[in-house]
Protein backbone atom coordinates (compact mmCIF):
# COMPACT_ATOMS: atom_id res chain seq x y z
CA MET A 1 -117.28 23.15 38.71
CA LYS A 2 -119.14 21.09 36.10
CA LYS A 3 -116.37 21.66 33.57
CA SER A 4 -113.69 20.37 35.93
CA VAL A 5 -115.78 17.30 36.80
CA LEU A 6 -116.31 16.54 33.10
CA LEU A 7 -112.60 17.01 32.38
CA SER A 8 -111.74 14.72 35.30
CA ILE A 9 -114.15 12.05 34.03
CA ALA A 10 -112.78 12.38 30.48
CA ALA A 11 -109.18 12.11 31.73
CA THR A 12 -110.02 9.05 33.85
CA PHE A 13 -111.79 7.40 30.91
CA THR A 14 -108.86 8.12 28.56
CA PHE A 15 -106.39 6.70 31.10
CA ALA A 16 -108.54 3.57 31.54
CA VAL A 17 -108.72 3.01 27.75
CA ILE A 18 -104.94 3.38 27.38
CA LEU A 19 -104.27 1.07 30.33
CA PHE A 20 -106.75 -1.55 29.08
CA THR A 21 -105.28 -1.44 25.56
CA ASN A 22 -101.74 -1.92 26.88
CA VAL A 23 -102.81 -4.83 29.09
CA ILE A 24 -104.46 -6.54 26.10
CA VAL A 25 -101.50 -6.06 23.78
CA TYR A 26 -98.85 -7.04 26.31
CA THR A 27 -100.64 -9.65 28.42
CA TYR A 28 -97.89 -12.26 27.98
CA PRO A 29 -94.77 -10.34 26.92
CA ASN A 30 -92.63 -12.71 29.02
CA GLY A 31 -93.93 -15.90 27.43
CA ILE A 32 -96.63 -18.42 28.16
CA THR A 33 -96.62 -22.21 28.10
CA GLY A 34 -99.17 -25.01 28.05
CA LEU A 35 -100.66 -23.93 24.72
CA THR A 36 -99.29 -26.58 22.35
CA LYS A 37 -101.13 -29.71 21.23
CA LYS A 38 -99.29 -31.56 24.01
CA THR A 39 -101.61 -30.07 26.62
CA SER A 40 -104.27 -28.07 24.77
CA THR A 41 -106.89 -28.81 22.16
CA GLN A 42 -107.94 -25.17 22.15
CA GLY A 43 -104.60 -23.45 21.60
CA CYS A 44 -104.21 -19.85 22.62
CA TYR A 45 -107.27 -18.58 24.46
CA CYS A 46 -106.34 -14.90 24.29
CA HIS A 47 -106.06 -14.66 20.47
CA THR A 48 -108.10 -15.97 17.56
CA GLN A 49 -106.70 -18.70 15.33
CA ASN A 50 -105.19 -17.35 12.11
CA THR A 51 -104.02 -19.65 9.30
CA GLY A 52 -101.93 -16.76 7.92
CA ILE A 53 -99.44 -17.50 10.71
CA SER A 54 -97.28 -20.60 10.31
CA GLY A 55 -94.46 -22.27 12.18
CA SER A 56 -92.07 -25.06 11.31
CA PHE A 57 -89.12 -26.99 12.73
CA SER A 58 -85.81 -27.76 11.09
CA GLY A 59 -83.56 -30.49 12.48
CA PRO A 60 -82.64 -34.16 12.26
CA ASP A 61 -85.27 -36.86 11.79
CA THR A 62 -83.37 -39.52 13.74
CA ILE A 63 -81.77 -38.98 17.15
CA TYR A 64 -80.15 -41.59 19.40
CA THR A 65 -81.06 -42.09 23.05
CA GLY A 66 -79.49 -39.45 25.28
CA GLN A 67 -78.18 -37.48 22.29
CA THR A 68 -78.45 -33.67 22.25
CA VAL A 69 -79.04 -32.05 18.86
CA ALA A 70 -79.67 -28.56 17.51
CA PHE A 71 -83.05 -27.58 16.08
CA SER A 72 -84.42 -24.35 14.73
CA PHE A 73 -87.94 -23.08 14.32
CA THR A 74 -89.31 -20.39 12.04
CA ILE A 75 -92.43 -18.31 12.55
CA SER A 76 -93.93 -16.67 9.46
CA ARG A 77 -96.89 -14.34 9.24
CA SER A 78 -98.80 -12.16 6.84
CA GLY A 79 -99.65 -9.45 9.39
CA SER A 80 -97.56 -7.25 11.62
CA GLY A 81 -96.73 -7.24 15.29
CA PRO A 82 -94.44 -8.90 17.79
CA GLY A 83 -94.31 -12.69 17.97
CA GLY A 84 -94.60 -15.32 20.66
CA VAL A 85 -93.83 -19.03 20.74
CA ASP A 86 -94.50 -22.15 22.80
CA ILE A 87 -92.53 -25.33 22.06
CA SER A 88 -93.00 -28.54 24.03
CA THR A 89 -91.85 -32.14 23.89
CA ARG A 90 -93.49 -35.28 25.16
CA LEU A 91 -90.42 -37.10 26.52
CA GLY A 92 -87.18 -35.25 25.79
CA ALA A 93 -85.72 -32.05 27.24
CA LEU A 94 -85.45 -28.62 25.62
CA ALA A 95 -82.80 -25.94 26.12
CA VAL A 96 -82.18 -22.51 24.63
CA GLY A 97 -79.84 -22.65 21.65
CA SER A 98 -76.91 -20.39 20.87
CA GLY A 99 -77.86 -16.98 19.54
CA SER A 100 -81.39 -17.15 20.97
CA ALA A 101 -81.28 -14.35 23.54
CA TYR A 102 -85.05 -13.88 23.20
CA LEU A 103 -85.90 -17.42 24.42
CA LYS A 104 -86.16 -19.14 27.81
CA ILE A 105 -87.38 -22.37 29.41
CA LEU A 106 -90.57 -21.99 31.44
CA SER A 107 -92.32 -25.02 32.99
CA GLY A 108 -90.17 -27.33 30.84
CA GLU A 109 -91.27 -25.65 27.60
CA LEU A 110 -89.52 -23.13 25.37
CA THR A 111 -91.07 -19.65 25.15
CA GLN A 112 -90.00 -16.04 24.60
CA LYS A 113 -88.42 -13.76 27.24
CA PHE A 114 -89.85 -10.72 25.47
CA PRO A 115 -91.84 -10.30 22.24
CA LEU A 116 -90.00 -11.77 19.25
CA VAL A 117 -89.09 -9.29 16.53
CA LEU A 118 -90.20 -10.61 13.16
CA SER A 119 -87.98 -9.36 10.35
CA GLY A 120 -89.63 -9.38 6.93
CA GLY A 121 -92.49 -11.38 8.43
CA ASN A 122 -90.24 -14.12 9.86
CA TYR A 123 -88.45 -15.08 13.05
CA THR A 124 -86.00 -17.99 13.34
CA GLY A 125 -84.74 -19.23 16.69
CA GLN A 126 -82.45 -22.05 17.76
CA PHE A 127 -82.85 -24.56 20.56
CA SER A 128 -81.44 -27.90 21.57
CA TYR A 129 -83.30 -31.11 22.21
CA THR A 130 -82.01 -33.98 24.33
CA ALA A 131 -83.57 -37.36 23.57
CA PRO A 132 -84.76 -39.49 26.48
CA SER A 133 -82.59 -42.39 27.67
CA SER A 134 -85.14 -44.99 26.51
CA PRO A 135 -85.65 -45.69 22.78
CA GLY A 136 -88.99 -44.72 21.25
CA THR A 137 -90.77 -42.02 19.30
CA ASP A 138 -91.01 -38.52 20.73
CA THR A 139 -92.87 -35.46 19.47
CA LEU A 140 -92.04 -31.75 19.36
CA TRP A 141 -95.05 -29.38 19.25
CA LEU A 142 -95.10 -25.73 18.24
CA SER A 143 -97.67 -22.99 18.56
CA GLN A 144 -97.02 -19.36 17.75
CA ALA A 145 -98.75 -16.01 18.04
CA VAL A 146 -98.12 -12.73 16.23
CA GLY A 147 -99.47 -9.49 17.69
CA TYR A 148 -102.79 -9.35 19.46
CA GLN A 149 -104.73 -8.53 16.29
CA ASN A 150 -103.04 -11.12 14.07
CA GLY A 151 -103.76 -14.17 16.24
CA TRP A 152 -102.10 -17.56 16.68
CA ASN A 153 -101.82 -20.92 14.93
CA TRP A 154 -100.44 -24.40 15.44
CA GLY A 155 -97.03 -25.09 13.92
CA ASN A 156 -96.03 -28.40 12.41
CA GLU A 157 -95.21 -31.35 14.65
CA LYS A 158 -91.83 -33.01 14.52
CA ARG A 159 -91.68 -36.74 15.38
């Protein structure tokens, strides 16, 4: 009787550890928003900041009112693991670009549908940005995460 109780406790403990580990690793596999410098001074609260992870935008510097243009972003990292992204804009509108099956719009921001697969330590995605109808300066913000153990970091801002 004692052996079966001990085995049952050990099995329950093992199951709990596996479940807890999977919840930690895959807490936001479907994306998360509200973690760029637009709305957060803290960044990602479920990872530690890691300067070995970087992100950058590529696209035009000047856009006319109401114009829609293509942008890309690249996430680079020195560690391993799946990636995540949060892109926001102050005034304009974002949309998923062609060839970006891993991305979606959530709460007006661009994030991943499922973990991004980094190839050779990099992931590049495309999106479109539509400028507001009033002239002025807008900002694109980027934050990215790579694997639970690798952490997150702010990307560059694009004005």
